[in-house]
Amino acid sequence: MTDDDDEPNIVTSSKSQSVLIDGVRFSIEIYRLETDSAWTLEVVDPEKTSHVWDEQFASDSDACDAAIKAIESEGAVAFMRGDNVIPFRS
């Protein structure tokens, strides 16, 4: 049996947001464990595919900027293409 009080809480950044790029809506999720200082970046596309960055960010603003830059530079459709998505095993 585990004690839930030992689990660190997840802190969600106020920079998390929904953005519309090239007519496509993305959910930008930025979070960290309360015991960590680095932020994790996840972008969820309209197909509900989660794109999580391998690198962590020093600030939530840096993470948000990286998400928007990546989607805008690749284009919404190219971003969603899935070249960098590893499917879960069935």
PDB file of N, CA and C in Angstrom:
ATOM      1  N   MET A   1       0.840  -1.168   0.000  1.00  0.00           N
ATOM      2  CA  MET A   1       0.000   0.000   0.000  1.00  0.00           C
ATOM      3  C   MET A   1       0.889   1.236   0.000  1.00  0.00           C
ATOM      4  N   THR A   2       0.549   2.223  -0.823  1.00  0.00           N
ATOM      5  CA  THR A   2       1.346   3.436  -0.886  1.00  0.00           C
ATOM      6  C   THR A   2       0.634   4.558  -0.168  1.00  0.00           C
ATOM      7  N   ASP A   3       1.417   5.470   0.311  1.00  0.00           N
ATOM      8  CA  ASP A   3       0.876   6.633   0.992  1.00  0.00           C
ATOM      9  C   ASP A   3       0.806   7.780  -0.011  1.00  0.00           C
ATOM     10  N   ASP A   4      -0.409   8.219  -0.369  1.00  0.00           N
ATOM     11  CA  ASP A   4      -0.587   9.273  -1.371  1.00  0.00           C
ATOM     12  C   ASP A   4       0.064  10.579  -0.965  1.00  0.00           C
ATOM     13  N   ASP A   5       0.293  10.783   0.328  1.00  0.00           N
ATOM     14  CA  ASP A   5       0.910  12.021   0.782  1.00  0.00           C
ATOM     15  C   ASP A   5       2.377  12.104   0.370  1.00  0.00           C
ATOM     16  N   ASP A   6       2.982  10.968   0.021  1.00  0.00           N
ATOM     17  CA  ASP A   6       4.376  10.955  -0.401  1.00  0.00           C
ATOM     18  C   ASP A   6       4.543  11.350  -1.864  1.00  0.00           C
ATOM     19  N   GLU A   7       3.464  11.355  -2.621  1.00  0.00           N
ATOM     20  CA  GLU A   7       3.510  11.696  -4.033  1.00  0.00           C
ATOM     21  C   GLU A   7       3.525  13.216  -4.184  1.00  0.00           C
ATOM     22  N   PRO A   8       4.469  13.759  -4.964  1.00  0.00           N
ATOM     23  CA  PRO A   8       4.471  15.212  -5.166  1.00  0.00           C
ATOM     24  C   PRO A   8       3.278  15.642  -6.021  1.00  0.00           C
ATOM     25  N   ASN A   9       2.781  16.819  -5.761  1.00  0.00           N
ATOM     26  CA  ASN A   9       1.675  17.371  -6.538  1.00  0.00           C
ATOM     27  C   ASN A   9       2.185  17.876  -7.882  1.00  0.00           C
ATOM     28  N   ILE A  10       1.300  17.895  -8.857  1.00  0.00           N
ATOM     29  CA  ILE A  10       1.622  18.456 -10.166  1.00  0.00           C
ATOM     30  C   ILE A  10       1.165  19.904 -10.172  1.00  0.00           C
ATOM     31  N   VAL A  11       2.066  20.780 -10.567  1.00  0.00           N
ATOM     32  CA  VAL A  11       1.774  22.208 -10.676  1.00  0.00           C
ATOM     33  C   VAL A  11       1.537  22.510 -12.148  1.00  0.00           C
ATOM     34  N   THR A  12       0.367  23.054 -12.460  1.00  0.00           N
ATOM     35  CA  THR A  12       0.046  23.434 -13.834  1.00  0.00           C
ATOM     36  C   THR A  12       0.289  24.924 -13.990  1.00  0.00           C
ATOM     37  N   SER A  13       1.000  25.283 -15.033  1.00  0.00           N
ATOM     38  CA  SER A  13       1.346  26.675 -15.293  1.00  0.00           C
ATOM     39  C   SER A  13       0.138  27.473 -15.773  1.00  0.00           C
ATOM     40  N   SER A  14       0.112  28.731 -15.417  1.00  0.00           N
ATOM     41  CA  SER A  14      -0.919  29.634 -15.932  1.00  0.00           C
ATOM     42  C   SER A  14      -0.675  29.927 -17.416  1.00  0.00           C
ATOM     43  N   LYS A  15       0.474  29.527 -17.929  1.00  0.00           N
ATOM     44  CA  LYS A  15       0.791  29.692 -19.361  1.00  0.00           C
ATOM     45  C   LYS A  15       0.150  28.591 -20.212  1.00  0.00           C
ATOM     46  N   SER A  16      -0.387  27.545 -19.579  1.00  0.00           N
ATOM     47  CA  SER A  16      -1.111  26.518 -20.320  1.00  0.00           C
ATOM     48  C   SER A  16      -2.310  27.178 -20.975  1.00  0.00           C
ATOM     49  N   GLN A  17      -2.563  26.799 -22.232  1.00  0.00           N
ATOM     50  CA  GLN A  17      -3.622  27.483 -22.967  1.00  0.00           C
ATOM     51  C   GLN A  17      -4.031  26.710 -24.202  1.00  0.00           C
ATOM     52  N   SER A  18      -5.127  27.140 -24.785  1.00  0.00           N
ATOM     53  CA  SER A  18      -5.593  26.629 -26.051  1.00  0.00           C
ATOM     54  C   SER A  18      -5.258  27.687 -27.094  1.00  0.00           C
ATOM     55  N   VAL A  19      -4.638  27.269 -28.215  1.00  0.00           N
ATOM     56  CA  VAL A  19      -4.273  28.221 -29.263  1.00  0.00           C
ATOM     57  C   VAL A  19      -4.816  27.736 -30.601  1.00  0.00           C
ATOM     58  N   LEU A  20      -5.127  28.690 -31.458  1.00  0.00           N
ATOM     59  CA  LEU A  20      -5.599  28.405 -32.804  1.00  0.00           C
ATOM     60  C   LEU A  20      -4.509  28.835 -33.778  1.00  0.00           C
ATOM     61  N   ILE A  21      -3.928  27.854 -34.481  1.00  0.00           N
ATOM     62  CA  ILE A  21      -2.855  28.135 -35.437  1.00  0.00           C
ATOM     63  C   ILE A  21      -3.225  27.481 -36.759  1.00  0.00           C
ATOM     64  N   ASP A  22      -3.206  28.255 -37.825  1.00  0.00           N
ATOM     65  CA  ASP A  22      -3.589  27.770 -39.161  1.00  0.00           C
ATOM     66  C   ASP A  22      -4.986  27.156 -39.154  1.00  0.00           C
ATOM     67  N   GLY A  23      -5.873  27.689 -38.325  1.00  0.00           N
ATOM     68  CA  GLY A  23      -7.240  27.183 -38.250  1.00  0.00           C
ATOM     69  C   GLY A  23      -7.389  25.896 -37.462  1.00  0.00           C
ATOM     70  N   VAL A  24      -6.322  25.464 -36.794  1.00  0.00           N
ATOM     71  CA  VAL A  24      -6.335  24.223 -36.016  1.00  0.00           C
ATOM     72  C   VAL A  24      -6.100  24.565 -34.546  1.00  0.00           C
ATOM     73  N   ARG A  25      -6.935  24.007 -33.660  1.00  0.00           N
ATOM     74  CA  ARG A  25      -6.818  24.295 -32.234  1.00  0.00           C
ATOM     75  C   ARG A  25      -5.921  23.265 -31.545  1.00  0.00           C
ATOM     76  N   PHE A  26      -4.952  23.774 -30.794  1.00  0.00           N
ATOM     77  CA  PHE A  26      -4.034  22.950 -30.009  1.00  0.00           C
ATOM     78  C   PHE A  26      -4.170  23.305 -28.537  1.00  0.00           C
ATOM     79  N   SER A  27      -3.951  22.330 -27.689  1.00  0.00           N
ATOM     80  CA  SER A  27      -3.914  22.556 -26.250  1.00  0.00           C
ATOM     81  C   SER A  27      -2.453  22.492 -25.805  1.00  0.00           C
ATOM     82  N   ILE A  28      -1.960  23.588 -25.255  1.00  0.00           N
ATOM     83  CA  ILE A  28      -0.587  23.644 -24.744  1.00  0.00           C
ATOM     84  C   ILE A  28      -0.656  23.430 -23.234  1.00  0.00           C
ATOM     85  N   GLU A  29      -0.051  22.357 -22.776  1.00  0.00           N
ATOM     86  CA  GLU A  29      -0.048  22.006 -21.356  1.00  0.00           C
ATOM     87  C   GLU A  29       1.380  22.115 -20.827  1.00  0.00           C
ATOM     88  N   ILE A  30       1.552  22.915 -19.793  1.00  0.00           N
ATOM     89  CA  ILE A  30       2.872  23.122 -19.193  1.00  0.00           C
ATOM     90  C   ILE A  30       2.741  22.807 -17.709  1.00  0.00           C
ATOM     91  N   TYR A  31       3.577  21.896 -17.222  1.00  0.00           N
ATOM     92  CA  TYR A  31       3.450  21.473 -15.830  1.00  0.00           C
ATOM     93  C   TYR A  31       4.795  20.997 -15.290  1.00  0.00           C
ATOM     94  N   ARG A  32       4.840  20.875 -13.980  1.00  0.00           N
ATOM     95  CA  ARG A  32       6.029  20.358 -13.299  1.00  0.00           C
ATOM     96  C   ARG A  32       5.595  19.712 -11.989  1.00  0.00           C
ATOM     97  N   LEU A  33       6.460  18.895 -11.437  1.00  0.00           N
ATOM     98  CA  LEU A  33       6.220  18.391 -10.090  1.00  0.00           C
ATOM     99  C   LEU A  33       6.553  19.507  -9.106  1.00  0.00           C
ATOM    100  N   GLU A  34       5.840  19.576  -8.014  1.00  0.00           N
ATOM    101  CA  GLU A  34       6.076  20.658  -7.058  1.00  0.00           C
ATOM    102  C   GLU A  34       7.485  20.625  -6.478  1.00  0.00           C
ATOM    103  N   THR A  35       8.143  19.485  -6.569  1.00  0.00           N
ATOM    104  CA  THR A  35       9.498  19.348  -6.040  1.00  0.00           C
ATOM    105  C   THR A  35      10.567  19.694  -7.071  1.00  0.00           C
ATOM    106  N   ASP A  36      10.158  19.936  -8.321  1.00  0.00           N
ATOM    107  CA  ASP A  36      11.087  20.244  -9.407  1.00  0.00           C
ATOM    108  C   ASP A  36      10.980  21.707  -9.796  1.00  0.00           C
ATOM    109  N   SER A  37      12.022  22.205 -10.429  1.00  0.00           N
ATOM    110  CA  SER A  37      11.971  23.578 -10.927  1.00  0.00           C
ATOM    111  C   SER A  37      11.808  23.624 -12.442  1.00  0.00           C
ATOM    112  N   ALA A  38      12.102  22.521 -13.126  1.00  0.00           N
ATOM    113  CA  ALA A  38      12.004  22.479 -14.584  1.00  0.00           C
ATOM    114  C   ALA A  38      10.580  22.136 -15.017  1.00  0.00           C
ATOM    115  N   TRP A  39      10.174  22.741 -16.140  1.00  0.00           N
ATOM    116  CA  TRP A  39       8.817  22.582 -16.664  1.00  0.00           C
ATOM    117  C   TRP A  39       8.793  21.591 -17.817  1.00  0.00           C
ATOM    118  N   THR A  40       7.722  20.803 -17.900  1.00  0.00           N
ATOM    119  CA  THR A  40       7.490  19.859 -18.981  1.00  0.00           C
ATOM    120  C   THR A  40       6.468  20.466 -19.931  1.00  0.00           C
ATOM    121  N   LEU A  41       6.676  20.257 -21.221  1.00  0.00           N
ATOM    122  CA  LEU A  41       5.789  20.794 -22.247  1.00  0.00           C
ATOM    123  C   LEU A  41       5.105  19.653 -22.993  1.00  0.00           C
ATOM    124  N   GLU A  42       3.796  19.767 -23.104  1.00  0.00           N
ATOM    125  CA  GLU A  42       2.990  18.807 -23.855  1.00  0.00           C
ATOM    126  C   GLU A  42       2.012  19.591 -24.720  1.00  0.00           C
ATOM    127  N   VAL A  43       1.924  19.219 -25.982  1.00  0.00           N
ATOM    128  CA  VAL A  43       0.940  19.809 -26.884  1.00  0.00           C
ATOM    129  C   VAL A  43       0.015  18.694 -27.344  1.00  0.00           C
ATOM    130  N   VAL A  44      -1.291  18.925 -27.216  1.00  0.00           N
ATOM    131  CA  VAL A  44      -2.285  17.952 -27.655  1.00  0.00           C
ATOM    132  C   VAL A  44      -2.983  18.527 -28.883  1.00  0.00           C
ATOM    133  N   ASP A  45      -2.954  17.751 -29.960  1.00  0.00           N
ATOM    134  CA  ASP A  45      -3.567  18.227 -31.201  1.00  0.00           C
ATOM    135  C   ASP A  45      -5.044  17.830 -31.250  1.00  0.00           C
ATOM    136  N   PRO A  46      -5.773  18.267 -32.285  1.00  0.00           N
ATOM    137  CA  PRO A  46      -7.211  17.971 -32.361  1.00  0.00           C
ATOM    138  C   PRO A  46      -7.538  16.481 -32.458  1.00  0.00           C
ATOM    139  N   GLU A  47      -6.565  15.685 -32.881  1.00  0.00           N
ATOM    140  CA  GLU A  47      -6.765  14.237 -32.952  1.00  0.00           C
ATOM    141  C   GLU A  47      -6.516  13.574 -31.598  1.00  0.00           C
ATOM    142  N   LYS A  48      -6.258  14.398 -30.578  1.00  0.00           N
ATOM    143  CA  LYS A  48      -5.966  13.949 -29.202  1.00  0.00           C
ATOM    144  C   LYS A  48      -4.618  13.246 -29.099  1.00  0.00           C
ATOM    145  N   THR A  49      -3.716  13.534 -30.043  1.00  0.00           N
ATOM    146  CA  THR A  49      -2.364  13.002 -29.975  1.00  0.00           C
ATOM    147  C   THR A  49      -1.526  13.916 -29.107  1.00  0.00           C
ATOM    148  N   SER A  50      -0.832  13.344 -28.173  1.00  0.00           N
ATOM    149  CA  SER A  50       0.004  14.092 -27.240  1.00  0.00           C
ATOM    150  C   SER A  50       1.438  14.141 -27.762  1.00  0.00           C
ATOM    151  N   HIS A  51       1.981  15.347 -27.838  1.00  0.00           N
ATOM    152  CA  HIS A  51       3.367  15.562 -28.259  1.00  0.00           C
ATOM    153  C   HIS A  51       4.098  16.128 -27.041  1.00  0.00           C
ATOM    154  N   VAL A  52       4.982  15.339 -26.448  1.00  0.00           N
ATOM    155  CA  VAL A  52       5.708  15.750 -25.247  1.00  0.00           C
ATOM    156  C   VAL A  52       7.168  15.985 -25.611  1.00  0.00           C
ATOM    157  N   TRP A  53       7.681  17.137 -25.232  1.00  0.00           N
ATOM    158  CA  TRP A  53       9.082  17.477 -25.499  1.00  0.00           C
ATOM    159  C   TRP A  53       9.974  16.644 -24.591  1.00  0.00           C
ATOM    160  N   ASP A  54      11.103  16.165 -25.139  1.00  0.00           N
ATOM    161  CA  ASP A  54      12.080  15.423 -24.338  1.00  0.00           C
ATOM    162  C   ASP A  54      12.787  16.350 -23.362  1.00  0.00           C
ATOM    163  N   GLU A  55      13.061  17.557 -23.822  1.00  0.00           N
ATOM    164  CA  GLU A  55      13.771  18.504 -22.966  1.00  0.00           C
ATOM    165  C   GLU A  55      12.802  19.178 -22.007  1.00  0.00           C
ATOM    166  N   GLN A  56      13.325  19.614 -20.886  1.00  0.00           N
ATOM    167  CA  GLN A  56      12.530  20.392 -19.950  1.00  0.00           C
ATOM    168  C   GLN A  56      12.985  21.838 -20.039  1.00  0.00           C
ATOM    169  N   PHE A  57      12.189  22.738 -19.499  1.00  0.00           N
ATOM    170  CA  PHE A  57      12.417  24.165 -19.656  1.00  0.00           C
ATOM    171  C   PHE A  57      12.610  24.835 -18.305  1.00  0.00           C
ATOM    172  N   ALA A  58      13.477  25.845 -18.296  1.00  0.00           N
ATOM    173  CA  ALA A  58      13.777  26.572 -17.064  1.00  0.00           C
ATOM    174  C   ALA A  58      12.584  27.392 -16.591  1.00  0.00           C
ATOM    175  N   SER A  59      11.758  27.852 -17.545  1.00  0.00           N
ATOM    176  CA  SER A  59      10.587  28.635 -17.162  1.00  0.00           C
ATOM    177  C   SER A  59       9.379  28.185 -17.974  1.00  0.00           C
ATOM    178  N   ASP A  60       8.207  28.453 -17.437  1.00  0.00           N
ATOM    179  CA  ASP A  60       6.992  28.112 -18.162  1.00  0.00           C
ATOM    180  C   ASP A  60       6.831  28.990 -19.401  1.00  0.00           C
ATOM    181  N   SER A  61       7.352  30.203 -19.359  1.00  0.00           N
ATOM    182  CA  SER A  61       7.310  31.082 -20.534  1.00  0.00           C
ATOM    183  C   SER A  61       8.147  30.510 -21.668  1.00  0.00           C
ATOM    184  N   ASP A  62       9.333  29.971 -21.340  1.00  0.00           N
ATOM    185  CA  ASP A  62      10.187  29.341 -22.352  1.00  0.00           C
ATOM    186  C   ASP A  62       9.466  28.155 -22.997  1.00  0.00           C
ATOM    187  N   ALA A  63       8.769  27.375 -22.186  1.00  0.00           N
ATOM    188  CA  ALA A  63       8.036  26.216 -22.702  1.00  0.00           C
ATOM    189  C   ALA A  63       6.917  26.658 -23.636  1.00  0.00           C
ATOM    190  N   CYS A  64       6.168  27.654 -23.242  1.00  0.00           N
ATOM    191  CA  CYS A  64       5.066  28.157 -24.065  1.00  0.00           C
ATOM    192  C   CYS A  64       5.594  28.703 -25.389  1.00  0.00           C
ATOM    193  N   ASP A  65       6.654  29.486 -25.326  1.00  0.00           N
ATOM    194  CA  ASP A  65       7.259  30.035 -26.541  1.00  0.00           C
ATOM    195  C   ASP A  65       7.723  28.922 -27.484  1.00  0.00           C
ATOM    196  N   ALA A  66       8.306  27.865 -26.931  1.00  0.00           N
ATOM    197  CA  ALA A  66       8.800  26.743 -27.741  1.00  0.00           C
ATOM    198  C   ALA A  66       7.648  26.034 -28.445  1.00  0.00           C
ATOM    199  N   ALA A  67       6.527  25.870 -27.758  1.00  0.00           N
ATOM    200  CA  ALA A  67       5.369  25.202 -28.354  1.00  0.00           C
ATOM    201  C   ALA A  67       4.830  26.000 -29.526  1.00  0.00           C
ATOM    202  N   ILE A  68       4.604  27.273 -29.308  1.00  0.00           N
ATOM    203  CA  ILE A  68       4.041  28.114 -30.362  1.00  0.00           C
ATOM    204  C   ILE A  68       4.999  28.206 -31.545  1.00  0.00           C
ATOM    205  N   LYS A  69       6.284  28.364 -31.249  1.00  0.00           N
ATOM    206  CA  LYS A  69       7.287  28.444 -32.323  1.00  0.00           C
ATOM    207  C   LYS A  69       7.306  27.161 -33.146  1.00  0.00           C
ATOM    208  N   ALA A  70       7.252  26.005 -32.475  1.00  0.00           N
ATOM    209  CA  ALA A  70       7.293  24.715 -33.187  1.00  0.00           C
ATOM    210  C   ALA A  70       6.074  24.548 -34.090  1.00  0.00           C
ATOM    211  N   ILE A  71       4.896  24.853 -33.579  1.00  0.00           N
ATOM    212  CA  ILE A  71       3.682  24.682 -34.382  1.00  0.00           C
ATOM    213  C   ILE A  71       3.677  25.662 -35.555  1.00  0.00           C
ATOM    214  N   GLU A  72       4.028  26.921 -35.277  1.00  0.00           N
ATOM    215  CA  GLU A  72       4.025  27.926 -36.343  1.00  0.00           C
ATOM    216  C   GLU A  72       5.091  27.647 -37.403  1.00  0.00           C
ATOM    217  N   SER A  73       6.281  27.216 -36.984  1.00  0.00           N
ATOM    218  CA  SER A  73       7.356  26.990 -37.956  1.00  0.00           C
ATOM    219  C   SER A  73       7.103  25.751 -38.812  1.00  0.00           C
ATOM    220  N   GLU A  74       6.502  24.718 -38.225  1.00  0.00           N
ATOM    221  CA  GLU A  74       6.216  23.497 -38.978  1.00  0.00           C
ATOM    222  C   GLU A  74       4.886  23.585 -39.713  1.00  0.00           C
ATOM    223  N   GLY A  75       4.007  24.444 -39.236  1.00  0.00           N
ATOM    224  CA  GLY A  75       2.642  24.486 -39.750  1.00  0.00           C
ATOM    225  C   GLY A  75       1.813  23.466 -38.994  1.00  0.00           C
ATOM    226  N   ALA A  76       0.560  23.787 -38.777  1.00  0.00           N
ATOM    227  CA  ALA A  76      -0.293  22.925 -37.957  1.00  0.00           C
ATOM    228  C   ALA A  76      -0.392  21.506 -38.501  1.00  0.00           C
ATOM    229  N   VAL A  77      -0.622  21.372 -39.807  1.00  0.00           N
ATOM    230  CA  VAL A  77      -0.801  20.048 -40.399  1.00  0.00           C
ATOM    231  C   VAL A  77       0.501  19.247 -40.340  1.00  0.00           C
ATOM    232  N   ALA A  78       1.614  19.888 -40.641  1.00  0.00           N
ATOM    233  CA  ALA A  78       2.907  19.188 -40.584  1.00  0.00           C
ATOM    234  C   ALA A  78       3.234  18.773 -39.152  1.00  0.00           C
ATOM    235  N   PHE A  79       2.904  19.623 -38.201  1.00  0.00           N
ATOM    236  CA  PHE A  79       3.147  19.300 -36.798  1.00  0.00           C
ATOM    237  C   PHE A  79       2.388  18.036 -36.407  1.00  0.00           C
ATOM    238  N   MET A  80       1.182  17.887 -36.937  1.00  0.00           N
ATOM    239  CA  MET A  80       0.324  16.754 -36.585  1.00  0.00           C
ATOM    240  C   MET A  80       0.644  15.495 -37.378  1.00  0.00           C
ATOM    241  N   ARG A  81       1.504  15.591 -38.363  1.00  0.00           N
ATOM    242  CA  ARG A  81       1.759  14.489 -39.287  1.00  0.00           C
ATOM    243  C   ARG A  81       2.165  13.199 -38.585  1.00  0.00           C
ATOM    244  N   GLY A  82       2.808  13.308 -37.443  1.00  0.00           N
ATOM    245  CA  GLY A  82       3.124  12.111 -36.677  1.00  0.00           C
ATOM    246  C   GLY A  82       4.483  11.519 -36.925  1.00  0.00           C
ATOM    247  N   ASP A  83       5.361  12.242 -37.629  1.00  0.00           N
ATOM    248  CA  ASP A  83       6.705  11.715 -37.874  1.00  0.00           C
ATOM    249  C   ASP A  83       7.471  11.481 -36.582  1.00  0.00           C
ATOM    250  N   ASN A  84       7.102  12.206 -35.544  1.00  0.00           N
ATOM    251  CA  ASN A  84       7.819  12.096 -34.279  1.00  0.00           C
ATOM    252  C   ASN A  84       6.984  11.425 -33.193  1.00  0.00           C
ATOM    253  N   VAL A  85       5.899  10.777 -33.595  1.00  0.00           N
ATOM    254  CA  VAL A  85       5.011  10.133 -32.630  1.00  0.00           C
ATOM    255  C   VAL A  85       5.339   8.653 -32.556  1.00  0.00           C
ATOM    256  N   ILE A  86       5.476   8.155 -31.344  1.00  0.00           N
ATOM    257  CA  ILE A  86       5.714   6.728 -31.120  1.00  0.00           C
ATOM    258  C   ILE A  86       4.397   6.145 -30.617  1.00  0.00           C
ATOM    259  N   PRO A  87       3.752   5.285 -31.421  1.00  0.00           N
ATOM    260  CA  PRO A  87       2.448   4.753 -31.000  1.00  0.00           C
ATOM    261  C   PRO A  87       2.600   3.775 -29.837  1.00  0.00           C
ATOM    262  N   PHE A  88       1.559   3.723 -29.014  1.00  0.00           N
ATOM    263  CA  PHE A  88       1.517   2.746 -27.939  1.00  0.00           C
ATOM    264  C   PHE A  88       1.274   1.362 -28.551  1.00  0.00           C
ATOM    265  N   ARG A  89       1.831   0.364 -27.917  1.00  0.00           N
ATOM    266  CA  ARG A  89       1.589  -0.998 -28.389  1.00  0.00           C
ATOM    267  C   ARG A  89       0.159  -1.399 -28.055  1.00  0.00           C
ATOM    268  N   SER A  90      -0.427  -2.203 -28.911  1.00  0.00           N
ATOM    269  CA  SER A  90      -1.810  -2.659 -28.697  1.00  0.00           C
ATOM    270  C   SER A  90      -1.879  -3.718 -27.639  1.00  0.00           C
TER     271      SER A  90
END
